[in-house]
């Protein structure tokens, strides 16, 4: 989500992708599960990802882990430098959206 290809998308495009998913990929649609305000909040978080300090990234990973999210499993992927090739045998994650419901 912090890679240039994602960051170059417009806010409306990110909103659409989160709401409707991407067919035939690991990106599900969240529009029927989340309110529009929550999706816009996620767009804001995606915009901040490339600017996070290591401490902020760690707090985000900890929060995702506590909420049972997937971000904690993807932490090594997020810490890679853009354009860095994957290590042999390593695959890209199919889904990196951390979905947290506030109750």
PDB file of N, CA and C in Angstrom:
ATOM      1  N   UNK A   1       0.803  -1.188   0.000  1.00  0.00           N
ATOM      2  CA  UNK A   1       0.000   0.000   0.000  1.00  0.00           C
ATOM      3  C   UNK A   1       0.852   1.260   0.000  1.00  0.00           C
ATOM      4  N   UNK A   2       2.075   1.132   0.425  1.00  0.00           N
ATOM      5  CA  UNK A   2       2.941   2.314   0.443  1.00  0.00           C
ATOM      6  C   UNK A   2       3.754   2.449  -0.843  1.00  0.00           C
ATOM      7  N   UNK A   3       3.622   1.502  -1.755  1.00  0.00           N
ATOM      8  CA  UNK A   3       4.386   1.553  -2.998  1.00  0.00           C
ATOM      9  C   UNK A   3       3.858   2.652  -3.913  1.00  0.00           C
ATOM     10  N   UNK A   4       4.712   3.129  -4.799  1.00  0.00           N
ATOM     11  CA  UNK A   4       4.384   4.242  -5.691  1.00  0.00           C
ATOM     12  C   UNK A   4       3.127   3.980  -6.511  1.00  0.00           C
ATOM     13  N   UNK A   5       2.943   2.765  -7.003  1.00  0.00           N
ATOM     14  CA  UNK A   5       1.778   2.465  -7.837  1.00  0.00           C
ATOM     15  C   UNK A   5       0.473   2.728  -7.084  1.00  0.00           C
ATOM     16  N   UNK A   6       0.442   2.394  -5.807  1.00  0.00           N
ATOM     17  CA  UNK A   6      -0.749   2.648  -5.003  1.00  0.00           C
ATOM     18  C   UNK A   6      -0.861   4.117  -4.652  1.00  0.00           C
ATOM     19  N   UNK A   7       0.253   4.723  -4.270  1.00  0.00           N
ATOM     20  CA  UNK A   7       0.244   6.123  -3.862  1.00  0.00           C
ATOM     21  C   UNK A   7      -0.101   7.062  -5.016  1.00  0.00           C
ATOM     22  N   UNK A   8       0.105   6.630  -6.246  1.00  0.00           N
ATOM     23  CA  UNK A   8      -0.207   7.468  -7.403  1.00  0.00           C
ATOM     24  C   UNK A   8      -1.697   7.459  -7.750  1.00  0.00           C
ATOM     25  N   UNK A   9      -2.450   6.550  -7.157  1.00  0.00           N
ATOM     26  CA  UNK A   9      -3.891   6.516  -7.384  1.00  0.00           C
ATOM     27  C   UNK A   9      -4.534   7.707  -6.686  1.00  0.00           C
ATOM     28  N   UNK A  10      -5.614   8.194  -7.241  1.00  0.00           N
ATOM     29  CA  UNK A  10      -6.355   9.276  -6.606  1.00  0.00           C
ATOM     30  C   UNK A  10      -7.117   8.760  -5.395  1.00  0.00           C
ATOM     31  N   UNK A  11      -7.512   9.684  -4.522  1.00  0.00           N
ATOM     32  CA  UNK A  11      -8.269   9.284  -3.337  1.00  0.00           C
ATOM     33  C   UNK A  11      -9.561   8.574  -3.723  1.00  0.00           C
ATOM     34  N   UNK A  12     -10.236   9.079  -4.740  1.00  0.00           N
ATOM     35  CA  UNK A  12     -11.475   8.448  -5.195  1.00  0.00           C
ATOM     36  C   UNK A  12     -11.241   7.043  -5.714  1.00  0.00           C
ATOM     37  N   UNK A  13     -10.095   6.844  -6.389  1.00  0.00           N
ATOM     38  CA  UNK A  13      -9.765   5.504  -6.891  1.00  0.00           C
ATOM     39  C   UNK A  13      -9.523   4.539  -5.735  1.00  0.00           C
ATOM     40  N   UNK A  14      -8.798   4.997  -4.708  1.00  0.00           N
ATOM     41  CA  UNK A  14      -8.562   4.152  -3.538  1.00  0.00           C
ATOM     42  C   UNK A  14      -9.886   3.813  -2.849  1.00  0.00           C
ATOM     43  N   UNK A  15     -10.736   4.807  -2.709  1.00  0.00           N
ATOM     44  CA  UNK A  15     -12.045   4.594  -2.095  1.00  0.00           C
ATOM     45  C   UNK A  15     -12.823   3.532  -2.886  1.00  0.00           C
ATOM     46  N   UNK A  16     -12.836   3.661  -4.198  1.00  0.00           N
ATOM     47  CA  UNK A  16     -13.554   2.721  -5.052  1.00  0.00           C
ATOM     48  C   UNK A  16     -13.003   1.300  -4.880  1.00  0.00           C
ATOM     49  N   UNK A  17     -11.682   1.174  -4.871  1.00  0.00           N
ATOM     50  CA  UNK A  17     -11.058  -0.147  -4.743  1.00  0.00           C
ATOM     51  C   UNK A  17     -11.395  -0.771  -3.397  1.00  0.00           C
ATOM     52  N   UNK A  18     -11.313   0.014  -2.326  1.00  0.00           N
ATOM     53  CA  UNK A  18     -11.629  -0.518  -1.000  1.00  0.00           C
ATOM     54  C   UNK A  18     -13.100  -0.909  -0.936  1.00  0.00           C
ATOM     55  N   UNK A  19     -13.957  -0.074  -1.479  1.00  0.00           N
ATOM     56  CA  UNK A  19     -15.402  -0.341  -1.435  1.00  0.00           C
ATOM     57  C   UNK A  19     -15.812  -1.535  -2.283  1.00  0.00           C
ATOM     58  N   UNK A  20     -15.242  -1.638  -3.477  1.00  0.00           N
ATOM     59  CA  UNK A  20     -15.690  -2.634  -4.451  1.00  0.00           C
ATOM     60  C   UNK A  20     -14.743  -3.803  -4.660  1.00  0.00           C
ATOM     61  N   UNK A  21     -13.540  -3.722  -4.120  1.00  0.00           N
ATOM     62  CA  UNK A  21     -12.559  -4.779  -4.303  1.00  0.00           C
ATOM     63  C   UNK A  21     -12.029  -4.803  -5.733  1.00  0.00           C
ATOM     64  N   UNK A  22     -11.213  -5.788  -6.002  1.00  0.00           N
ATOM     65  CA  UNK A  22     -10.662  -5.984  -7.340  1.00  0.00           C
ATOM     66  C   UNK A  22     -10.921  -7.443  -7.701  1.00  0.00           C
ATOM     67  N   UNK A  23     -11.751  -7.645  -8.692  1.00  0.00           N
ATOM     68  CA  UNK A  23     -12.116  -9.004  -9.092  1.00  0.00           C
ATOM     69  C   UNK A  23     -10.883  -9.824  -9.444  1.00  0.00           C
ATOM     70  N   UNK A  24     -10.969 -11.096  -9.115  1.00  0.00           N
ATOM     71  CA  UNK A  24      -9.938 -12.092  -9.443  1.00  0.00           C
ATOM     72  C   UNK A  24      -8.600 -11.794  -8.785  1.00  0.00           C
ATOM     73  N   UNK A  25      -8.624 -11.048  -7.682  1.00  0.00           N
ATOM     74  CA  UNK A  25      -7.416 -10.831  -6.878  1.00  0.00           C
ATOM     75  C   UNK A  25      -7.764 -11.132  -5.429  1.00  0.00           C
ATOM     76  N   UNK A  26      -6.834 -10.938  -4.548  1.00  0.00           N
ATOM     77  CA  UNK A  26      -7.089 -11.149  -3.120  1.00  0.00           C
ATOM     78  C   UNK A  26      -7.718  -9.952  -2.440  1.00  0.00           C
ATOM     79  N   UNK A  27      -8.068  -8.895  -3.202  1.00  0.00           N
ATOM     80  CA  UNK A  27      -8.629  -7.689  -2.595  1.00  0.00           C
ATOM     81  C   UNK A  27     -10.155  -7.776  -2.578  1.00  0.00           C
ATOM     82  N   UNK A  28     -10.727  -8.030  -1.384  1.00  0.00           N
ATOM     83  CA  UNK A  28     -12.185  -8.118  -1.294  1.00  0.00           C
ATOM     84  C   UNK A  28     -12.835  -6.740  -1.261  1.00  0.00           C
ATOM     85  N   UNK A  29     -14.132  -6.705  -1.423  1.00  0.00           N
ATOM     86  CA  UNK A  29     -14.909  -5.465  -1.311  1.00  0.00           C
ATOM     87  C   UNK A  29     -15.308  -5.268   0.147  1.00  0.00           C
ATOM     88  N   UNK A  30     -15.109  -4.053   0.657  1.00  0.00           N
ATOM     89  CA  UNK A  30     -15.452  -3.751   2.044  1.00  0.00           C
ATOM     90  C   UNK A  30     -16.628  -2.790   2.139  1.00  0.00           C
ATOM     91  N   UNK A  31     -17.152  -2.327   1.004  1.00  0.00           N
ATOM     92  CA  UNK A  31     -18.212  -1.336   1.003  1.00  0.00           C
ATOM     93  C   UNK A  31     -19.478  -1.754   1.719  1.00  0.00           C
ATOM     94  N   UNK A  32     -19.803  -3.027   1.697  1.00  0.00           N
ATOM     95  CA  UNK A  32     -21.018  -3.480   2.370  1.00  0.00           C
ATOM     96  C   UNK A  32     -20.792  -3.684   3.863  1.00  0.00           C
ATOM     97  N   UNK A  33     -19.540  -3.678   4.297  1.00  0.00           N
ATOM     98  CA  UNK A  33     -19.220  -3.910   5.707  1.00  0.00           C
ATOM     99  C   UNK A  33     -18.875  -2.639   6.458  1.00  0.00           C
ATOM    100  N   UNK A  34     -18.372  -1.646   5.762  1.00  0.00           N
ATOM    101  CA  UNK A  34     -17.917  -0.411   6.401  1.00  0.00           C
ATOM    102  C   UNK A  34     -18.731   0.789   5.942  1.00  0.00           C
ATOM    103  N   UNK A  35     -18.855   1.757   6.824  1.00  0.00           N
ATOM    104  CA  UNK A  35     -19.502   3.018   6.476  1.00  0.00           C
ATOM    105  C   UNK A  35     -18.544   3.824   5.602  1.00  0.00           C
ATOM    106  N   UNK A  36     -19.071   4.704   4.771  1.00  0.00           N
ATOM    107  CA  UNK A  36     -18.196   5.533   3.926  1.00  0.00           C
ATOM    108  C   UNK A  36     -17.129   6.291   4.716  1.00  0.00           C
ATOM    109  N   UNK A  37     -17.474   6.768   5.904  1.00  0.00           N
ATOM    110  CA  UNK A  37     -16.500   7.507   6.719  1.00  0.00           C
ATOM    111  C   UNK A  37     -15.302   6.628   7.084  1.00  0.00           C
ATOM    112  N   UNK A  38     -15.562   5.363   7.390  1.00  0.00           N
ATOM    113  CA  UNK A  38     -14.486   4.440   7.744  1.00  0.00           C
ATOM    114  C   UNK A  38     -13.586   4.176   6.536  1.00  0.00           C
ATOM    115  N   UNK A  39     -14.176   4.094   5.361  1.00  0.00           N
ATOM    116  CA  UNK A  39     -13.381   3.867   4.153  1.00  0.00           C
ATOM    117  C   UNK A  39     -12.528   5.093   3.849  1.00  0.00           C
ATOM    118  N   UNK A  40     -13.087   6.288   4.011  1.00  0.00           N
ATOM    119  CA  UNK A  40     -12.284   7.497   3.808  1.00  0.00           C
ATOM    120  C   UNK A  40     -11.152   7.581   4.835  1.00  0.00           C
ATOM    121  N   UNK A  41     -11.417   7.126   6.079  1.00  0.00           N
ATOM    122  CA  UNK A  41     -10.346   7.079   7.083  1.00  0.00           C
ATOM    123  C   UNK A  41      -9.224   6.160   6.619  1.00  0.00           C
ATOM    124  N   UNK A  42      -9.579   5.036   6.028  1.00  0.00           N
ATOM    125  CA  UNK A  42      -8.566   4.106   5.526  1.00  0.00           C
ATOM    126  C   UNK A  42      -7.777   4.723   4.374  1.00  0.00           C
ATOM    127  N   UNK A  43      -8.439   5.465   3.506  1.00  0.00           N
ATOM    128  CA  UNK A  43      -7.735   6.172   2.429  1.00  0.00           C
ATOM    129  C   UNK A  43      -6.693   7.111   3.050  1.00  0.00           C
ATOM    130  N   UNK A  44      -7.059   7.805   4.111  1.00  0.00           N
ATOM    131  CA  UNK A  44      -6.117   8.708   4.793  1.00  0.00           C
ATOM    132  C   UNK A  44      -4.925   7.954   5.363  1.00  0.00           C
ATOM    133  N   UNK A  45      -5.191   6.784   5.940  1.00  0.00           N
ATOM    134  CA  UNK A  45      -4.099   5.968   6.487  1.00  0.00           C
ATOM    135  C   UNK A  45      -3.170   5.518   5.368  1.00  0.00           C
ATOM    136  N   UNK A  46      -3.727   5.089   4.256  1.00  0.00           N
ATOM    137  CA  UNK A  46      -2.904   4.651   3.127  1.00  0.00           C
ATOM    138  C   UNK A  46      -2.004   5.791   2.651  1.00  0.00           C
ATOM    139  N   UNK A  47      -2.522   6.994   2.624  1.00  0.00           N
ATOM    140  CA  UNK A  47      -1.728   8.160   2.221  1.00  0.00           C
ATOM    141  C   UNK A  47      -0.567   8.406   3.179  1.00  0.00           C
ATOM    142  N   UNK A  48      -0.746   8.091   4.450  1.00  0.00           N
ATOM    143  CA  UNK A  48       0.297   8.332   5.447  1.00  0.00           C
ATOM    144  C   UNK A  48       1.366   7.248   5.500  1.00  0.00           C
ATOM    145  N   UNK A  49       1.077   6.058   4.993  1.00  0.00           N
ATOM    146  CA  UNK A  49       1.996   4.929   5.139  1.00  0.00           C
ATOM    147  C   UNK A  49       3.436   5.236   4.737  1.00  0.00           C
ATOM    148  N   UNK A  50       3.687   5.862   3.579  1.00  0.00           N
ATOM    149  CA  UNK A  50       5.084   6.096   3.204  1.00  0.00           C
ATOM    150  C   UNK A  50       5.804   7.072   4.130  1.00  0.00           C
ATOM    151  N   UNK A  51       5.065   7.835   4.919  1.00  0.00           N
ATOM    152  CA  UNK A  51       5.654   8.866   5.773  1.00  0.00           C
ATOM    153  C   UNK A  51       5.785   8.430   7.228  1.00  0.00           C
ATOM    154  N   UNK A  52       5.356   7.213   7.546  1.00  0.00           N
ATOM    155  CA  UNK A  52       5.392   6.759   8.930  1.00  0.00           C
ATOM    156  C   UNK A  52       6.822   6.565   9.415  1.00  0.00           C
ATOM    157  N   UNK A  53       7.071   6.979  10.649  1.00  0.00           N
ATOM    158  CA  UNK A  53       8.360   6.706  11.276  1.00  0.00           C
ATOM    159  C   UNK A  53       8.382   5.234  11.676  1.00  0.00           C
ATOM    160  N   UNK A  54       9.550   4.682  11.957  1.00  0.00           N
ATOM    161  CA  UNK A  54       9.605   3.281  12.408  1.00  0.00           C
ATOM    162  C   UNK A  54       8.753   3.053  13.668  1.00  0.00           C
ATOM    163  N   UNK A  55       8.709   4.043  14.560  1.00  0.00           N
ATOM    164  CA  UNK A  55       7.911   3.913  15.777  1.00  0.00           C
ATOM    165  C   UNK A  55       6.417   3.889  15.450  1.00  0.00           C
ATOM    166  N   UNK A  56       5.983   4.752  14.535  1.00  0.00           N
ATOM    167  CA  UNK A  56       4.575   4.769  14.136  1.00  0.00           C
ATOM    168  C   UNK A  56       4.189   3.465  13.448  1.00  0.00           C
ATOM    169  N   UNK A  57       5.070   2.961  12.592  1.00  0.00           N
ATOM    170  CA  UNK A  57       4.804   1.698  11.915  1.00  0.00           C
ATOM    171  C   UNK A  57       4.687   0.568  12.931  1.00  0.00           C
ATOM    172  N   UNK A  58       5.546   0.567  13.934  1.00  0.00           N
ATOM    173  CA  UNK A  58       5.482  -0.464  14.970  1.00  0.00           C
ATOM    174  C   UNK A  58       4.178  -0.386  15.747  1.00  0.00           C
ATOM    175  N   UNK A  59       3.730   0.821  16.083  1.00  0.00           N
ATOM    176  CA  UNK A  59       2.453   0.981  16.790  1.00  0.00           C
ATOM    177  C   UNK A  59       1.297   0.479  15.928  1.00  0.00           C
ATOM    178  N   UNK A  60       1.337   0.776  14.627  1.00  0.00           N
ATOM    179  CA  UNK A  60       0.293   0.308  13.716  1.00  0.00           C
ATOM    180  C   UNK A  60       0.294  -1.213  13.630  1.00  0.00           C
ATOM    181  N   UNK A  61       1.476  -1.802  13.551  1.00  0.00           N
ATOM    182  CA  UNK A  61       1.583  -3.265  13.505  1.00  0.00           C
ATOM    183  C   UNK A  61       1.060  -3.884  14.797  1.00  0.00           C
ATOM    184  N   UNK A  62       1.387  -3.284  15.932  1.00  0.00           N
ATOM    185  CA  UNK A  62       0.912  -3.800  17.223  1.00  0.00           C
ATOM    186  C   UNK A  62      -0.602  -3.712  17.322  1.00  0.00           C
ATOM    187  N   UNK A  63      -1.167  -2.590  16.892  1.00  0.00           N
ATOM    188  CA  UNK A  63      -2.628  -2.423  16.926  1.00  0.00           C
ATOM    189  C   UNK A  63      -3.306  -3.455  16.028  1.00  0.00           C
ATOM    190  N   UNK A  64      -2.734  -3.696  14.857  1.00  0.00           N
ATOM    191  CA  UNK A  64      -3.311  -4.685  13.939  1.00  0.00           C
ATOM    192  C   UNK A  64      -3.233  -6.081  14.545  1.00  0.00           C
ATOM    193  N   UNK A  65      -2.119  -6.394  15.181  1.00  0.00           N
ATOM    194  CA  UNK A  65      -1.958  -7.709  15.803  1.00  0.00           C
ATOM    195  C   UNK A  65      -2.989  -7.893  16.917  1.00  0.00           C
ATOM    196  N   UNK A  66      -3.169  -6.870  17.748  1.00  0.00           N
ATOM    197  CA  UNK A  66      -4.126  -6.948  18.851  1.00  0.00           C
ATOM    198  C   UNK A  66      -5.555  -7.097  18.338  1.00  0.00           C
ATOM    199  N   UNK A  67      -5.837  -6.507  17.184  1.00  0.00           N
ATOM    200  CA  UNK A  67      -7.182  -6.578  16.607  1.00  0.00           C
ATOM    201  C   UNK A  67      -7.373  -7.830  15.768  1.00  0.00           C
ATOM    202  N   UNK A  68      -6.337  -8.649  15.655  1.00  0.00           N
ATOM    203  CA  UNK A  68      -6.446  -9.862  14.853  1.00  0.00           C
ATOM    204  C   UNK A  68      -6.311  -9.595  13.376  1.00  0.00           C
ATOM    205  N   UNK A  69      -5.740  -8.447  13.016  1.00  0.00           N
ATOM    206  CA  UNK A  69      -5.569  -8.073  11.616  1.00  0.00           C
ATOM    207  C   UNK A  69      -4.392  -8.765  10.977  1.00  0.00           C
ATOM    208  N   UNK A  70      -4.233  -8.513   9.699  1.00  0.00           N
ATOM    209  CA  UNK A  70      -3.194  -9.163   8.919  1.00  0.00           C
ATOM    210  C   UNK A  70      -1.922  -8.357   8.807  1.00  0.00           C
ATOM    211  N   UNK A  71      -1.948  -7.084   9.173  1.00  0.00           N
ATOM    212  CA  UNK A  71      -0.777  -6.235   8.999  1.00  0.00           C
ATOM    213  C   UNK A  71       0.437  -6.795   9.726  1.00  0.00           C
ATOM    214  N   UNK A  72       0.222  -7.375  10.920  1.00  0.00           N
ATOM    215  CA  UNK A  72       1.340  -7.904  11.679  1.00  0.00           C
ATOM    216  C   UNK A  72       2.040  -9.024  10.921  1.00  0.00           C
ATOM    217  N   UNK A  73       1.284  -9.780  10.120  1.00  0.00           N
ATOM    218  CA  UNK A  73       1.875 -10.847   9.326  1.00  0.00           C
ATOM    219  C   UNK A  73       2.631 -10.294   8.124  1.00  0.00           C
ATOM    220  N   UNK A  74       2.312  -9.068   7.715  1.00  0.00           N
ATOM    221  CA  UNK A  74       2.901  -8.481   6.527  1.00  0.00           C
ATOM    222  C   UNK A  74       4.030  -7.507   6.859  1.00  0.00           C
ATOM    223  N   UNK A  75       4.373  -7.359   8.126  1.00  0.00           N
ATOM    224  CA  UNK A  75       5.361  -6.372   8.526  1.00  0.00           C
ATOM    225  C   UNK A  75       6.651  -6.430   7.709  1.00  0.00           C
ATOM    226  N   UNK A  76       7.232  -7.605   7.450  1.00  0.00           N
ATOM    227  CA  UNK A  76       8.460  -7.625   6.641  1.00  0.00           C
ATOM    228  C   UNK A  76       8.235  -7.039   5.243  1.00  0.00           C
ATOM    229  N   UNK A  77       7.073  -7.265   4.655  1.00  0.00           N
ATOM    230  CA  UNK A  77       6.780  -6.710   3.332  1.00  0.00           C
ATOM    231  C   UNK A  77       6.763  -5.192   3.380  1.00  0.00           C
ATOM    232  N   UNK A  78       6.171  -4.622   4.441  1.00  0.00           N
ATOM    233  CA  UNK A  78       6.062  -3.175   4.534  1.00  0.00           C
ATOM    234  C   UNK A  78       7.414  -2.517   4.736  1.00  0.00           C
ATOM    235  N   UNK A  79       8.335  -3.224   5.363  1.00  0.00           N
ATOM    236  CA  UNK A  79       9.631  -2.639   5.654  1.00  0.00           C
ATOM    237  C   UNK A  79      10.604  -2.720   4.480  1.00  0.00           C
ATOM    238  N   UNK A  80      10.254  -3.463   3.438  1.00  0.00           N
ATOM    239  CA  UNK A  80      11.120  -3.544   2.266  1.00  0.00           C
ATOM    240  C   UNK A  80      11.176  -2.208   1.568  1.00  0.00           C
ATOM    241  N   UNK A  81      12.292  -1.928   0.979  1.00  0.00           N
ATOM    242  CA  UNK A  81      12.411  -0.705   0.199  1.00  0.00           C
ATOM    243  C   UNK A  81      11.719  -0.903  -1.132  1.00  0.00           C
ATOM    244  N   UNK A  82      11.130   0.194  -1.628  1.00  0.00           N
ATOM    245  CA  UNK A  82      10.440   0.134  -2.903  1.00  0.00           C
ATOM    246  C   UNK A  82      11.394  -0.342  -3.994  1.00  0.00           C
ATOM    247  N   UNK A  83      10.907  -1.241  -4.824  1.00  0.00           N
ATOM    248  CA  UNK A  83      11.711  -1.723  -5.932  1.00  0.00           C
ATOM    249  C   UNK A  83      12.640  -2.863  -5.557  1.00  0.00           C
ATOM    250  N   UNK A  84      12.728  -3.189  -4.265  1.00  0.00           N
ATOM    251  CA  UNK A  84      13.587  -4.280  -3.826  1.00  0.00           C
ATOM    252  C   UNK A  84      12.976  -5.600  -4.261  1.00  0.00           C
ATOM    253  N   UNK A  85      13.739  -6.464  -4.917  1.00  0.00           N
ATOM    254  CA  UNK A  85      13.172  -7.732  -5.382  1.00  0.00           C
ATOM    255  C   UNK A  85      12.852  -8.655  -4.212  1.00  0.00           C
ATOM    256  N   UNK A  86      11.878  -9.501  -4.410  1.00  0.00           N
ATOM    257  CA  UNK A  86      11.517 -10.474  -3.388  1.00  0.00           C
ATOM    258  C   UNK A  86      12.629 -11.505  -3.273  1.00  0.00           C
ATOM    259  N   UNK A  87      12.810 -12.015  -2.067  1.00  0.00           N
ATOM    260  CA  UNK A  87      13.797 -13.066  -1.849  1.00  0.00           C
ATOM    261  C   UNK A  87      13.284 -14.349  -2.472  1.00  0.00           C
ATOM    262  N   UNK A  88      14.176 -15.232  -2.816  1.00  0.00           N
ATOM    263  CA  UNK A  88      13.791 -16.483  -3.448  1.00  0.00           C
ATOM    264  C   UNK A  88      12.818 -17.252  -2.564  1.00  0.00           C
ATOM    265  N   UNK A  89      11.738 -17.713  -3.160  1.00  0.00           N
ATOM    266  CA  UNK A  89      10.730 -18.465  -2.435  1.00  0.00           C
ATOM    267  C   UNK A  89       9.708 -17.595  -1.729  1.00  0.00           C
ATOM    268  N   UNK A  90       9.908 -16.287  -1.757  1.00  0.00           N
ATOM    269  CA  UNK A  90       8.992 -15.372  -1.074  1.00  0.00           C
ATOM    270  C   UNK A  90       7.908 -14.928  -2.036  1.00  0.00           C
ATOM    271  N   UNK A  91       6.705 -14.844  -1.555  1.00  0.00           N
ATOM    272  CA  UNK A  91       5.610 -14.380  -2.400  1.00  0.00           C
ATOM    273  C   UNK A  91       5.046 -13.099  -1.829  1.00  0.00           C
ATOM    274  N   UNK A  92       4.439 -12.323  -2.696  1.00  0.00           N
ATOM    275  CA  UNK A  92       3.797 -11.102  -2.248  1.00  0.00           C
ATOM    276  C   UNK A  92       2.495 -11.472  -1.565  1.00  0.00           C
ATOM    277  N   UNK A  93       2.091 -10.696  -0.563  1.00  0.00           N
ATOM    278  CA  UNK A  93       0.826 -11.002   0.095  1.00  0.00           C
ATOM    279  C   UNK A  93      -0.336 -10.761  -0.844  1.00  0.00           C
ATOM    280  N   UNK A  94      -1.372 -11.582  -0.713  1.00  0.00           N
ATOM    281  CA  UNK A  94      -2.555 -11.418  -1.553  1.00  0.00           C
ATOM    282  C   UNK A  94      -3.425 -10.299  -1.026  1.00  0.00           C
ATOM    283  N   UNK A  95      -3.355 -10.036   0.273  1.00  0.00           N
ATOM    284  CA  UNK A  95      -4.267  -9.081   0.885  1.00  0.00           C
ATOM    285  C   UNK A  95      -3.547  -8.415   2.045  1.00  0.00           C
ATOM    286  N   UNK A  96      -3.439  -7.093   2.016  1.00  0.00           N
ATOM    287  CA  UNK A  96      -2.749  -6.408   3.110  1.00  0.00           C
ATOM    288  C   UNK A  96      -3.654  -5.431   3.821  1.00  0.00           C
ATOM    289  N   UNK A  97      -4.941  -5.454   3.539  1.00  0.00           N
ATOM    290  CA  UNK A  97      -5.882  -4.565   4.189  1.00  0.00           C
ATOM    291  C   UNK A  97      -6.162  -5.070   5.583  1.00  0.00           C
ATOM    292  N   UNK A  98      -5.888  -4.246   6.585  1.00  0.00           N
ATOM    293  CA  UNK A  98      -6.205  -4.608   7.947  1.00  0.00           C
ATOM    294  C   UNK A  98      -7.585  -4.071   8.246  1.00  0.00           C
ATOM    295  N   UNK A  99      -8.512  -4.945   8.498  1.00  0.00           N
ATOM    296  CA  UNK A  99      -9.899  -4.569   8.718  1.00  0.00           C
ATOM    297  C   UNK A  99     -10.176  -4.629  10.207  1.00  0.00           C
ATOM    298  N   UNK A 100     -10.445  -3.488  10.817  1.00  0.00           N
ATOM    299  CA  UNK A 100     -10.705  -3.416  12.235  1.00  0.00           C
ATOM    300  C   UNK A 100     -12.068  -2.798  12.456  1.00  0.00           C
ATOM    301  N   UNK A 101     -12.954  -3.520  13.117  1.00  0.00           N
ATOM    302  CA  UNK A 101     -14.269  -2.970  13.458  1.00  0.00           C
ATOM    303  C   UNK A 101     -14.165  -2.324  14.822  1.00  0.00           C
ATOM    304  N   UNK A 102     -14.680  -1.112  14.939  1.00  0.00           N
ATOM    305  CA  UNK A 102     -14.739  -0.445  16.256  1.00  0.00           C
ATOM    306  C   UNK A 102     -16.093  -0.753  16.875  1.00  0.00           C
ATOM    307  N   UNK A 103     -16.066  -1.252  18.079  1.00  0.00           N
ATOM    308  CA  UNK A 103     -17.331  -1.577  18.770  1.00  0.00           C
ATOM    309  C   UNK A 103     -17.543  -0.634  19.916  1.00  0.00           C
TER     310      UNK A 103
END
